């Protein structure tokens, strides 16, 4: 006999609470990326604490973690009287926007078989140390190393501008190429599987689907959920999906085998989110004391447009 929807949500929460270490900072970033960014961008510290109480995070831990996120450059803090308000820093906002595009608005591109390629010319220990930062930034753009001197990324119709890559690759001994074609498609498919560890990533998608597919079935069949439970489910859904998705290079379908579950997961998350997000927003409307300054700001249009590319 299948569990009721509330019990299924409790089971997901229990699994989250069992994770060690808890990584409270990462969860707060999820809160800002999914909720606060769609409600004016800043939030009273007490409201952060009240929301995270739902996830067994006490206020002292929340306050300490937000302070650390400010020190690490993720958040910035402003004081209005005795009230502390937090928002993304400029760099945090940029990183969050890139993640949000991948989570909420990533279309399923066609692919013509071309690659973008960055070649690092020369190979010595000192130069390789200097290039570690460059390679890290390229990895964030979706590039992966196939050896110590070459990084590649599937080239879609929306090409990452060469100028953006050049800003990262200021070393004159770096060659940037677009429209690169590898003739041996069998070899490149095997290379992609090994380079991006697709089998490991796919297992994470499979586990995610096992956890959340029953939730969607229950919601689709009309099982009721409270506004507060919808808020908890929404944050857990996006947090756990984000952890997997940001490791996914989003390779074209031609480079995956028939067992790949990434695209299925993308649709599942969108389907659940569209049902629960409005209910979660109703719960969020009630956060804050009866003082206008401390109330949660209303939802803006950016929240309404989420997952539209999958419809």
Protein backbone atom coordinates (compact mmCIF):
# COMPACT_ATOMS: atom_id res chain seq x y z
CA UNK A 1 0.00 0.00 0.00
CA UNK A 2 1.43 3.37 -1.03
CA UNK A 3 2.07 6.08 1.55
CA UNK A 4 -0.09 9.18 1.79
CA UNK A 5 1.35 12.40 0.39
CA UNK A 6 2.17 13.90 3.83
CA UNK A 7 4.04 10.72 4.78
CA UNK A 8 5.96 10.79 1.49
CA UNK A 9 7.04 14.38 2.16
CA UNK A 10 8.04 13.46 5.72
CA UNK A 11 10.16 10.62 4.32
CA UNK A 12 11.99 13.01 1.97
CA UNK A 13 12.54 15.44 4.85
CA UNK A 14 13.88 12.63 7.05
CA UNK A 15 16.40 11.67 4.36
CA UNK A 16 17.48 15.30 4.10
CA UNK A 17 17.92 15.57 7.87
CA UNK A 18 20.05 12.42 7.92
CA UNK A 19 22.61 13.94 5.54
CA UNK A 20 25.95 14.60 7.18
CA UNK A 21 27.22 17.25 7.08
CA UNK A 22 23.96 19.20 6.82
CA UNK A 23 25.43 21.97 4.59
CA UNK A 24 23.14 24.67 5.91
CA UNK A 25 24.88 27.28 3.75
CA UNK A 26 24.00 25.44 0.56
CA UNK A 27 20.37 25.19 1.64
CA UNK A 28 20.23 28.92 2.40
CA UNK A 29 21.54 29.58 -1.12
CA UNK A 30 18.67 27.44 -2.42
CA UNK A 31 16.25 29.53 -0.34
CA UNK A 32 17.62 32.76 -1.79
CA UNK A 33 17.74 31.43 -5.33
CA UNK A 34 14.24 29.94 -5.36
CA UNK A 35 12.28 32.16 -2.97
CA UNK A 36 13.99 35.42 -2.05
CA UNK A 37 15.14 36.28 -5.58
CA UNK A 38 11.49 36.12 -6.68
CA UNK A 39 10.35 38.36 -3.81
CA UNK A 40 12.34 41.56 -4.15
CA UNK A 41 15.75 40.02 -3.50
CA UNK A 42 16.16 40.82 0.19
CA UNK A 43 14.76 39.31 3.37
CA UNK A 44 14.65 39.94 7.11
CA UNK A 45 16.96 37.59 9.02
CA UNK A 46 14.12 36.48 11.29
CA UNK A 47 12.12 35.28 8.28
CA UNK A 48 15.07 33.17 7.12
CA UNK A 49 15.15 31.63 10.58
CA UNK A 50 11.41 30.96 10.67
CA UNK A 51 11.45 29.23 7.28
CA UNK A 52 14.46 27.09 8.14
CA UNK A 53 12.89 26.03 11.45
CA UNK A 54 10.76 23.77 9.26
CA UNK A 55 13.97 21.89 8.42
CA UNK A 56 15.20 21.56 12.01
CA UNK A 57 17.72 24.41 11.69
CA UNK A 58 17.82 26.58 14.80
CA UNK A 59 18.14 30.37 14.66
CA UNK A 60 21.68 30.41 16.05
CA UNK A 61 22.86 28.13 13.26
CA UNK A 62 21.04 30.24 10.66
CA UNK A 63 22.55 33.49 11.95
CA UNK A 64 26.06 32.03 12.04
CA UNK A 65 25.71 30.56 8.55
CA UNK A 66 24.37 33.76 6.97
CA UNK A 67 27.27 35.67 8.52
CA UNK A 68 29.69 33.18 6.97
CA UNK A 69 27.96 33.50 3.58
CA UNK A 70 28.51 37.27 3.79
CA UNK A 71 32.20 36.71 4.58
CA UNK A 72 32.47 34.25 1.68
CA UNK A 73 31.00 36.77 -0.76
CA UNK A 74 27.68 35.03 -1.42
CA UNK A 75 25.44 37.45 0.49
CA UNK A 76 25.47 41.06 1.61
CA UNK A 77 23.88 42.50 4.74
CA UNK A 78 22.09 45.79 5.40
CA UNK A 79 20.78 47.20 8.68
CA UNK A 80 17.55 49.14 9.09
CA UNK A 81 17.38 50.09 12.74
CA UNK A 82 17.82 46.85 14.64
CA UNK A 83 16.69 44.74 11.69
CA UNK A 84 19.21 42.85 9.55
CA UNK A 85 18.32 42.22 5.91
CA UNK A 86 20.18 39.88 3.57
CA UNK A 87 20.41 39.67 -0.21
CA UNK A 88 22.75 38.19 -2.81
CA UNK A 89 26.02 40.03 -3.35
CA UNK A 90 26.80 41.07 -6.92
CA UNK A 91 28.88 37.93 -7.49
CA UNK A 92 26.35 35.77 -5.66
CA UNK A 93 23.57 37.17 -7.82
CA UNK A 94 25.50 36.43 -11.01
CA UNK A 95 26.17 32.84 -9.92
CA UNK A 96 22.55 32.39 -8.84
CA UNK A 97 21.22 33.71 -12.16
CA UNK A 98 23.37 31.23 -14.08
CA UNK A 99 22.09 28.40 -11.88
CA UNK A 100 18.49 29.62 -12.19
CA UNK A 101 18.71 29.57 -15.99
CA UNK A 102 19.83 25.96 -15.86
CA UNK A 103 17.21 24.93 -13.29
CA UNK A 104 14.10 26.74 -14.51
CA UNK A 105 14.57 27.80 -18.12
CA UNK A 106 16.90 25.37 -19.87
CA UNK A 107 15.44 24.45 -23.28
CA UNK A 108 16.05 21.09 -24.93
CA UNK A 109 18.35 22.21 -27.75
CA UNK A 110 18.95 20.43 -31.01
CA UNK A 111 22.61 19.75 -31.73
CA UNK A 112 24.41 19.81 -35.07
CA UNK A 113 27.40 17.77 -33.87
CA UNK A 114 29.84 20.67 -33.39
CA UNK A 115 31.98 21.45 -30.36
CA UNK A 116 33.62 24.44 -28.77
CA UNK A 117 37.23 23.68 -27.94
CA UNK A 118 39.88 25.38 -25.80
CA UNK A 119 43.48 24.23 -26.25
CA UNK A 120 46.16 25.12 -23.69
CA UNK A 121 49.46 25.39 -25.57
CA UNK A 122 52.58 24.39 -23.69
CA UNK A 123 52.80 22.16 -20.65
CA UNK A 124 54.91 22.92 -17.61
CA UNK A 125 54.17 22.74 -13.90
CA UNK A 126 54.22 26.49 -13.23
CA UNK A 127 51.91 27.34 -16.13
CA UNK A 128 49.55 24.50 -15.22
CA UNK A 129 49.17 25.93 -11.70
CA UNK A 130 48.25 29.33 -13.14
CA UNK A 131 45.65 27.71 -15.38
CA UNK A 132 43.75 25.96 -12.59
CA UNK A 133 41.54 29.02 -12.04
CA UNK A 134 40.90 29.33 -15.79
CA UNK A 135 39.89 25.68 -16.03
CA UNK A 136 37.58 26.05 -13.02
CA UNK A 137 35.79 28.99 -14.67
CA UNK A 138 35.51 27.11 -17.97
CA UNK A 139 34.08 24.11 -16.10
CA UNK A 140 31.36 26.41 -14.72
CA UNK A 141 30.48 27.23 -18.35
CA UNK A 142 30.08 23.53 -19.15
CA UNK A 143 33.54 22.68 -20.49
CA UNK A 144 35.30 19.47 -19.48
CA UNK A 145 38.92 18.37 -19.78
CA UNK A 146 39.64 15.47 -22.11
CA UNK A 147 43.33 15.74 -21.19
CA UNK A 148 45.59 18.28 -19.48
CA UNK A 149 45.62 20.58 -22.52
CA UNK A 150 42.16 20.37 -24.13
CA UNK A 151 38.70 21.29 -22.83
CA UNK A 152 35.53 20.80 -24.88
CA UNK A 153 31.85 21.65 -24.72
CA UNK A 154 28.96 20.77 -27.06
CA UNK A 155 28.16 23.78 -29.25
CA UNK A 156 24.48 24.60 -29.51
CA UNK A 157 22.90 27.34 -31.61
CA UNK A 158 23.44 29.71 -28.67
CA UNK A 159 27.24 29.71 -28.77
CA UNK A 160 29.09 30.93 -25.71
CA UNK A 161 30.64 34.10 -27.11
CA UNK A 162 34.34 33.78 -27.81
CA UNK A 163 34.82 37.18 -26.13
CA UNK A 164 33.47 35.79 -22.83
CA UNK A 165 35.88 32.87 -23.02
CA UNK A 166 38.71 35.24 -23.95
CA UNK A 167 38.01 37.28 -20.82
CA UNK A 168 38.67 34.12 -18.84
CA UNK A 169 41.55 32.90 -21.03
CA UNK A 170 43.86 35.92 -20.89
CA UNK A 171 46.91 33.69 -21.43
CA UNK A 172 48.16 34.22 -25.00
CA UNK A 173 49.03 30.53 -25.20
CA UNK A 174 45.38 29.47 -25.30
CA UNK A 175 43.60 28.66 -28.57
CA UNK A 176 39.79 28.96 -28.75
CA UNK A 177 37.87 27.25 -31.57
CA UNK A 178 34.19 26.97 -32.54
CA UNK A 179 32.52 24.57 -35.01
CA UNK A 180 34.95 21.74 -34.21
CA UNK A 181 33.78 18.36 -35.56
CA UNK A 182 35.03 14.99 -34.32
CA UNK A 183 34.46 12.37 -37.00
CA UNK A 184 34.44 9.25 -34.82
CA UNK A 185 31.07 9.64 -33.07
CA UNK A 186 31.36 6.29 -31.28
CA UNK A 187 34.65 7.36 -29.74
CA UNK A 188 33.38 10.81 -28.76
CA UNK A 189 30.30 9.26 -27.12
CA UNK A 190 32.54 6.98 -25.06
CA UNK A 191 34.79 9.94 -24.28
CA UNK A 192 31.81 11.97 -23.08
CA UNK A 193 30.68 9.13 -20.81
CA UNK A 194 34.10 8.89 -19.20
CA UNK A 195 34.85 12.62 -19.07
CA UNK A 196 31.59 13.64 -17.43
CA UNK A 197 31.06 10.39 -15.44
CA UNK A 198 27.60 10.03 -16.92
CA UNK A 199 26.83 6.63 -15.38
CA UNK A 200 27.33 7.98 -11.85
CA UNK A 201 25.27 11.07 -12.66
CA UNK A 202 22.51 8.99 -14.21
CA UNK A 203 22.21 6.89 -11.06
CA UNK A 204 21.62 10.09 -9.08
CA UNK A 205 18.81 10.97 -11.48
CA UNK A 206 17.32 7.48 -11.10
CA UNK A 207 17.36 7.79 -7.30
CA UNK A 208 15.77 11.24 -7.54
CA UNK A 209 12.96 9.94 -9.75
CA UNK A 210 12.26 7.06 -7.34
CA UNK A 211 11.89 9.61 -4.56
CA UNK A 212 9.75 12.21 -6.32
CA UNK A 213 7.71 10.35 -8.97
CA UNK A 214 5.24 9.05 -6.33
CA UNK A 215 4.85 12.65 -5.11
CA UNK A 216 3.85 13.79 -8.58
CA UNK A 217 1.40 10.90 -9.01
CA UNK A 218 -0.29 11.78 -5.71
CA UNK A 219 -0.51 15.47 -6.63
CA UNK A 220 -1.78 14.68 -10.11
CA UNK A 221 -4.47 12.44 -8.62
CA UNK A 222 -5.71 15.34 -6.53
CA UNK A 223 -4.29 14.46 -3.13
CA UNK A 224 -4.30 17.58 -0.96
CA UNK A 225 -1.27 19.28 0.53
CA UNK A 226 -1.06 22.13 3.04
CA UNK A 227 0.58 25.40 2.06
CA UNK A 228 3.38 24.85 4.56
CA UNK A 229 4.03 21.32 3.27
CA UNK A 230 4.10 22.73 -0.26
CA UNK A 231 6.78 25.22 0.81
CA UNK A 232 8.87 22.49 2.39
CA UNK A 233 8.48 20.23 -0.63
CA UNK A 234 9.34 23.04 -3.05
CA UNK A 235 12.60 23.87 -1.27
CA UNK A 236 13.60 20.21 -0.90
CA UNK A 237 12.75 19.53 -4.56
CA UNK A 238 14.83 22.41 -5.92
CA UNK A 239 17.69 21.90 -3.47
CA UNK A 240 18.12 18.22 -4.27
CA UNK A 241 17.61 18.77 -8.00
CA UNK A 242 20.12 21.63 -8.04
CA UNK A 243 22.79 19.46 -6.42
CA UNK A 244 22.54 16.98 -9.30
CA UNK A 245 21.83 19.38 -12.15
CA UNK A 246 24.82 21.64 -11.56
CA UNK A 247 27.07 18.60 -12.10
CA UNK A 248 25.28 17.81 -15.38
CA UNK A 249 27.05 19.20 -18.49
CA UNK A 250 23.70 19.06 -20.31
CA UNK A 251 25.00 17.06 -23.23
CA UNK A 252 22.81 16.59 -26.31
CA UNK A 253 20.66 13.49 -26.59
CA UNK A 254 22.95 12.02 -29.25
CA UNK A 255 25.69 11.60 -26.63
CA UNK A 256 23.52 9.69 -24.17
CA UNK A 257 22.37 6.08 -24.23
CA UNK A 258 18.73 5.05 -23.98
CA UNK A 259 18.97 4.67 -20.19
CA UNK A 260 19.70 8.37 -19.58
CA UNK A 261 17.14 9.85 -17.16
CA UNK A 262 18.23 13.48 -16.99
CA UNK A 263 15.61 14.80 -19.41
CA UNK A 264 12.87 12.83 -17.65
CA UNK A 265 13.94 14.32 -14.32
CA UNK A 266 13.77 17.81 -15.78
CA UNK A 267 10.14 17.32 -16.79
CA UNK A 268 9.25 15.70 -13.44
CA UNK A 269 10.63 18.65 -11.48
CA UNK A 270 8.75 21.11 -13.69
CA UNK A 271 5.47 19.20 -13.28
CA UNK A 272 5.73 19.09 -9.48
CA UNK A 273 6.88 22.69 -9.19
CA UNK A 274 3.97 24.09 -11.20
CA UNK A 275 1.50 22.41 -8.84
CA UNK A 276 3.09 23.30 -5.51
CA UNK A 277 4.69 26.71 -6.14
CA UNK A 278 1.44 28.72 -5.84
CA UNK A 279 0.59 26.97 -2.56
CA UNK A 280 4.10 27.58 -1.22
CA UNK A 281 3.76 31.26 -2.11
CA UNK A 282 0.59 31.46 -0.03
CA UNK A 283 2.57 30.12 2.93
CA UNK A 284 5.35 32.64 2.32
CA UNK A 285 2.87 35.52 2.27
CA UNK A 286 2.25 34.89 5.97
CA UNK A 287 5.89 35.18 7.06
CA UNK A 288 6.95 38.31 8.92
CA UNK A 289 5.51 40.20 11.85
CA UNK A 290 2.72 42.74 11.49
CA UNK A 291 5.24 45.39 10.49
CA UNK A 292 5.42 46.28 6.80
CA UNK A 293 9.22 46.39 6.80
CA UNK A 294 9.46 42.80 8.04
CA UNK A 295 6.88 41.16 5.77
CA UNK A 296 7.90 38.97 2.86
CA UNK A 297 7.71 40.95 -0.37
CA UNK A 298 5.16 39.88 -3.01
CA UNK A 299 6.07 37.49 -5.82
CA UNK A 300 7.36 39.18 -8.98
CA UNK A 301 6.91 38.05 -12.58
CA UNK A 302 10.21 36.13 -12.68
CA UNK A 303 8.61 33.41 -10.56
CA UNK A 304 5.65 33.04 -12.91
CA UNK A 305 7.91 32.40 -15.92
CA UNK A 306 9.75 29.45 -14.37
CA UNK A 307 9.79 26.22 -16.41
CA UNK A 308 7.94 27.85 -19.33
CA UNK A 309 10.54 26.48 -21.76
CA UNK A 310 9.35 22.95 -20.93
CA UNK A 311 5.71 23.61 -21.81
